[in-house]
PDB file of N, CA and C in Angstrom:
ATOM      1  N   MET A   1     188.363 115.686 278.140  1.00  0.00           N
ATOM      2  CA  MET A   1     187.837 115.060 279.335  1.00  0.00           C
ATOM      3  C   MET A   1     187.113 113.756 279.033  1.00  0.00           C
ATOM      4  N   ASN A   2     186.641 113.596 277.836  1.00  0.00           N
ATOM      5  CA  ASN A   2     185.950 112.347 277.488  1.00  0.00           C
ATOM      6  C   ASN A   2     186.927 111.176 277.439  1.00  0.00           C
ATOM      7  N   VAL A   3     188.182 111.476 277.169  1.00  0.00           N
ATOM      8  CA  VAL A   3     189.193 110.424 277.113  1.00  0.00           C
ATOM      9  C   VAL A   3     189.387 109.812 278.496  1.00  0.00           C
ATOM     10  N   LEU A   4     189.307 110.610 279.543  1.00  0.00           N
ATOM     11  CA  LEU A   4     189.469 110.092 280.905  1.00  0.00           C
ATOM     12  C   LEU A   4     188.371 109.101 281.270  1.00  0.00           C
ATOM     13  N   ALA A   5     187.211 109.254 280.696  1.00  0.00           N
ATOM     14  CA  ALA A   5     186.116 108.319 280.958  1.00  0.00           C
ATOM     15  C   ALA A   5     186.468 106.923 280.446  1.00  0.00           C
ATOM     16  N   TYR A   6     187.358 106.839 279.463  1.00  0.00           N
ATOM     17  CA  TYR A   6     187.801 105.539 278.952  1.00  0.00           C
ATOM     18  C   TYR A   6     189.077 105.060 279.655  1.00  0.00           C
ATOM     19  N   LEU A   7     189.993 105.972 279.889  1.00  0.00           N
ATOM     20  CA  LEU A   7     191.305 105.591 280.404  1.00  0.00           C
ATOM     21  C   LEU A   7     191.271 105.158 281.871  1.00  0.00           C
ATOM     22  N   ILE A   8     190.465 105.795 282.685  1.00  0.00           N
ATOM     23  CA  ILE A   8     190.427 105.440 284.108  1.00  0.00           C
ATOM     24  C   ILE A   8     189.893 104.026 284.315  1.00  0.00           C
ATOM     25  N   PRO A   9     188.758 103.629 283.728  1.00  0.00           N
ATOM     26  CA  PRO A   9     188.317 102.236 283.917  1.00  0.00           C
ATOM     27  C   PRO A   9     189.281 101.207 283.329  1.00  0.00           C
ATOM     28  N   ILE A  10     189.915 101.536 282.207  1.00  0.00           N
ATOM     29  CA  ILE A  10     190.883 100.605 281.610  1.00  0.00           C
ATOM     30  C   ILE A  10     192.085 100.436 282.527  1.00  0.00           C
ATOM     31  N   SER A  11     192.588 101.524 283.100  1.00  0.00           N
ATOM     32  CA  SER A  11     193.753 101.428 283.978  1.00  0.00           C
ATOM     33  C   SER A  11     193.401 100.700 285.277  1.00  0.00           C
ATOM     34  N   VAL A  12     192.203 100.927 285.807  1.00  0.00           N
ATOM     35  CA  VAL A  12     191.785 100.209 287.010  1.00  0.00           C
ATOM     36  C   VAL A  12     191.646  98.719 286.713  1.00  0.00           C
ATOM     37  N   PHE A  13     191.093  98.381 285.546  1.00  0.00           N
ATOM     38  CA  PHE A  13     190.952  96.977 285.157  1.00  0.00           C
ATOM     39  C   PHE A  13     192.318  96.308 285.002  1.00  0.00           C
ATOM     40  N   LEU A  14     193.251  96.961 284.323  1.00  0.00           N
ATOM     41  CA  LEU A  14     194.581  96.378 284.126  1.00  0.00           C
ATOM     42  C   LEU A  14     195.346  96.268 285.441  1.00  0.00           C
ATOM     43  N   GLY A  15     195.188  97.243 286.326  1.00  0.00           N
ATOM     44  CA  GLY A  15     195.823  97.159 287.636  1.00  0.00           C
ATOM     45  C   GLY A  15     195.257  96.003 288.453  1.00  0.00           C
ATOM     46  N   GLY A  16     193.951  95.819 288.403  1.00  0.00           N
ATOM     47  CA  GLY A  16     193.329  94.685 289.100  1.00  0.00           C
ATOM     48  C   GLY A  16     193.750  93.357 288.514  1.00  0.00           C
ATOM     49  N   LEU A  17     193.897  93.318 287.193  1.00  0.00           N
ATOM     50  CA  LEU A  17     194.350  92.093 286.532  1.00  0.00           C
ATOM     51  C   LEU A  17     195.778  91.752 286.945  1.00  0.00           C
ATOM     52  N   GLY A  18     196.640  92.757 287.014  1.00  0.00           N
ATOM     53  CA  GLY A  18     198.016  92.538 287.468  1.00  0.00           C
ATOM     54  C   GLY A  18     198.058  92.072 288.914  1.00  0.00           C
ATOM     55  N   LEU A  19     197.226  92.667 289.756  1.00  0.00           N
ATOM     56  CA  LEU A  19     197.157  92.251 291.158  1.00  0.00           C
ATOM     57  C   LEU A  19     196.658  90.817 291.282  1.00  0.00           C
ATOM     58  N   ALA A  20     195.670  90.453 290.476  1.00  0.00           N
ATOM     59  CA  ALA A  20     195.145  89.082 290.512  1.00  0.00           C
ATOM     60  C   ALA A  20     196.220  88.075 290.100  1.00  0.00           C
ATOM     61  N   PHE A  21     196.992  88.379 289.064  1.00  0.00           N
ATOM     62  CA  PHE A  21     198.058  87.468 288.644  1.00  0.00           C
ATOM     63  C   PHE A  21     199.174  87.399 289.688  1.00  0.00           C
ATOM     64  N   PHE A  22     199.466  88.513 290.336  1.00  0.00           N
ATOM     65  CA  PHE A  22     200.474  88.499 291.396  1.00  0.00           C
ATOM     66  C   PHE A  22     200.019  87.615 292.555  1.00  0.00           C
ATOM     67  N   ILE A  23     198.768  87.745 292.964  1.00  0.00           N
ATOM     68  CA  ILE A  23     198.232  86.907 294.048  1.00  0.00           C
ATOM     69  C   ILE A  23     198.246  85.442 293.634  1.00  0.00           C
ATOM     70  N   PHE A  24     197.939  85.157 292.365  1.00  0.00           N
ATOM     71  CA  PHE A  24     197.985  83.783 291.875  1.00  0.00           C
ATOM     72  C   PHE A  24     199.392  83.208 291.973  1.00  0.00           C
ATOM     73  N   THR A  25     200.404  83.993 291.591  1.00  0.00           N
ATOM     74  CA  THR A  25     201.771  83.477 291.646  1.00  0.00           C
ATOM     75  C   THR A  25     202.242  83.296 293.083  1.00  0.00           C
ATOM     76  N   VAL A  26     201.808  84.150 293.994  1.00  0.00           N
ATOM     77  CA  VAL A  26     202.177  83.993 295.402  1.00  0.00           C
ATOM     78  C   VAL A  26     201.539  82.733 295.969  1.00  0.00           C
ATOM     79  N   ARG A  27     200.278  82.493 295.651  1.00  0.00           N
ATOM     80  CA  ARG A  27     199.586  81.303 296.173  1.00  0.00           C
ATOM     81  C   ARG A  27     200.102  80.007 295.559  1.00  0.00           C
ATOM     82  N   SER A  28     200.652  80.075 294.347  1.00  0.00           N
ATOM     83  CA  SER A  28     201.196  78.868 293.724  1.00  0.00           C
ATOM     84  C   SER A  28     202.656  78.654 294.091  1.00  0.00           C
ATOM     85  N   ARG A  29     203.155  79.410 295.081  1.00  0.00           N
ATOM     86  CA  ARG A  29     204.482  79.245 295.680  1.00  0.00           C
ATOM     87  C   ARG A  29     205.627  79.409 294.686  1.00  0.00           C
ATOM     88  N   GLN A  30     205.536  80.382 293.802  1.00  0.00           N
ATOM     89  CA  GLN A  30     206.612  80.610 292.842  1.00  0.00           C
ATOM     90  C   GLN A  30     207.745  81.435 293.426  1.00  0.00           C
ATOM     91  N   TYR A  31     207.532  82.056 294.589  1.00  0.00           N
ATOM     92  CA  TYR A  31     208.548  82.915 295.195  1.00  0.00           C
ATOM     93  C   TYR A  31     209.075  82.322 296.500  1.00  0.00           C
ATOM     94  N   ASP A  32     208.991  81.009 296.675  1.00  0.00           N
ATOM     95  CA  ASP A  32     209.344  80.400 297.953  1.00  0.00           C
ATOM     96  C   ASP A  32     210.836  80.430 298.258  1.00  0.00           C
ATOM     97  N   ASP A  33     211.688  80.156 297.291  1.00  0.00           N
ATOM     98  CA  ASP A  33     213.116  80.006 297.562  1.00  0.00           C
ATOM     99  C   ASP A  33     213.961  80.874 296.636  1.00  0.00           C
ATOM    100  N   PRO A  34     213.934  82.190 296.803  1.00  0.00           N
ATOM    101  CA  PRO A  34     214.726  83.024 295.903  1.00  0.00           C
ATOM    102  C   PRO A  34     216.231  82.914 296.145  1.00  0.00           C
ATOM    103  N   GLU A  35     216.649  82.553 297.348  1.00  0.00           N
ATOM    104  CA  GLU A  35     218.083  82.444 297.627  1.00  0.00           C
ATOM    105  C   GLU A  35     218.642  81.102 297.180  1.00  0.00           C
ATOM    106  N   GLY A  36     217.807  80.099 297.028  1.00  0.00           N
ATOM    107  CA  GLY A  36     218.277  78.788 296.599  1.00  0.00           C
ATOM    108  C   GLY A  36     218.877  78.822 295.214  1.00  0.00           C
ATOM    109  N   ASP A  37     218.236  79.551 294.297  1.00  0.00           N
ATOM    110  CA  ASP A  37     218.775  79.653 292.945  1.00  0.00           C
ATOM    111  C   ASP A  37     220.102  80.405 292.929  1.00  0.00           C
ATOM    112  N   ALA A  38     220.214  81.429 293.743  1.00  0.00           N
ATOM    113  CA  ALA A  38     221.465  82.191 293.785  1.00  0.00           C
ATOM    114  C   ALA A  38     222.601  81.326 294.317  1.00  0.00           C
ATOM    115  N   ARG A  39     222.329  80.534 295.300  1.00  0.00           N
ATOM    116  CA  ARG A  39     223.389  79.660 295.844  1.00  0.00           C
ATOM    117  C   ARG A  39     223.694  78.502 294.906  1.00  0.00           C
ATOM    118  N   ARG A  40     222.707  78.041 294.154  1.00  0.00           N
ATOM    119  CA  ARG A  40     222.906  76.945 293.220  1.00  0.00           C
ATOM    120  C   ARG A  40     223.838  77.362 292.091  1.00  0.00           C
ATOM    121  N   ILE A  41     223.808  78.626 291.699  1.00  0.00           N
ATOM    122  CA  ILE A  41     224.698  79.108 290.642  1.00  0.00           C
ATOM    123  C   ILE A  41     226.151  79.055 291.097  1.00  0.00           C
ATOM    124  N   LEU A  42     226.398  79.371 292.358  1.00  0.00           N
ATOM    125  CA  LEU A  42     227.758  79.417 292.877  1.00  0.00           C
ATOM    126  C   LEU A  42     228.284  78.052 293.314  1.00  0.00           C
ATOM    127  N   SER A  43     227.425  77.062 293.335  1.00  0.00           N
ATOM    128  CA  SER A  43     227.798  75.737 293.810  1.00  0.00           C
ATOM    129  C   SER A  43     228.618  74.988 292.755  1.00  0.00           C
ATOM    130  N   ASP A  44     229.551  74.163 293.231  1.00  0.00           N
ATOM    131  CA  ASP A  44     230.359  73.332 292.331  1.00  0.00           C
ATOM    132  C   ASP A  44     229.890  71.880 292.338  1.00  0.00           C
ATOM    133  N   ASP A  45     228.673  71.625 292.731  1.00  0.00           N
ATOM    134  CA  ASP A  45     228.164  70.261 292.843  1.00  0.00           C
ATOM    135  C   ASP A  45     227.523  69.752 291.555  1.00  0.00           C
ATOM    136  N   TYR A  46     227.930  70.246 290.434  1.00  0.00           N
ATOM    137  CA  TYR A  46     227.338  69.803 289.187  1.00  0.00           C
ATOM    138  C   TYR A  46     228.424  69.233 288.276  1.00  0.00           C
ATOM    139  N   ASP A  47     228.013  68.456 287.293  1.00  0.00           N
ATOM    140  CA  ASP A  47     228.963  67.902 286.328  1.00  0.00           C
ATOM    141  C   ASP A  47     229.259  68.942 285.261  1.00  0.00           C
ATOM    142  N   ASP A  48     230.513  68.936 284.776  1.00  0.00           N
ATOM    143  CA  ASP A  48     230.875  69.852 283.702  1.00  0.00           C
ATOM    144  C   ASP A  48     230.338  69.377 282.357  1.00  0.00           C
ATOM    145  N   HIS A  49     230.031  68.098 282.263  1.00  0.00           N
ATOM    146  CA  HIS A  49     229.557  67.545 281.016  1.00  0.00           C
ATOM    147  C   HIS A  49     228.052  67.303 281.102  1.00  0.00           C
ATOM    148  N   PRO A  50     227.312  67.707 280.083  1.00  0.00           N
ATOM    149  CA  PRO A  50     225.868  67.439 280.099  1.00  0.00           C
ATOM    150  C   PRO A  50     225.572  65.954 279.955  1.00  0.00           C
ATOM    151  N   LYS A  51     224.505  65.520 280.565  1.00  0.00           N
ATOM    152  CA  LYS A  51     224.131  64.113 280.472  1.00  0.00           C
ATOM    153  C   LYS A  51     223.513  63.831 279.114  1.00  0.00           C
ATOM    154  N   PRO A  52     223.829  62.662 278.530  1.00  0.00           N
ATOM    155  CA  PRO A  52     223.271  62.348 277.200  1.00  0.00           C
ATOM    156  C   PRO A  52     221.801  62.051 277.262  1.00  0.00           C
TER     157      PRO A  52
END
């Protein structure tokens, strides 16, 4: 039972840290256009040769 006294606060801290980073990524607009990347892969509007 003494182990739970350590594990519960650590898990709550790590869960809060994960939630804080998730909120940070949402506020920094990293999830704004998830369909744009999918459509960009299927698009033929790119050059076959890389630019020098």
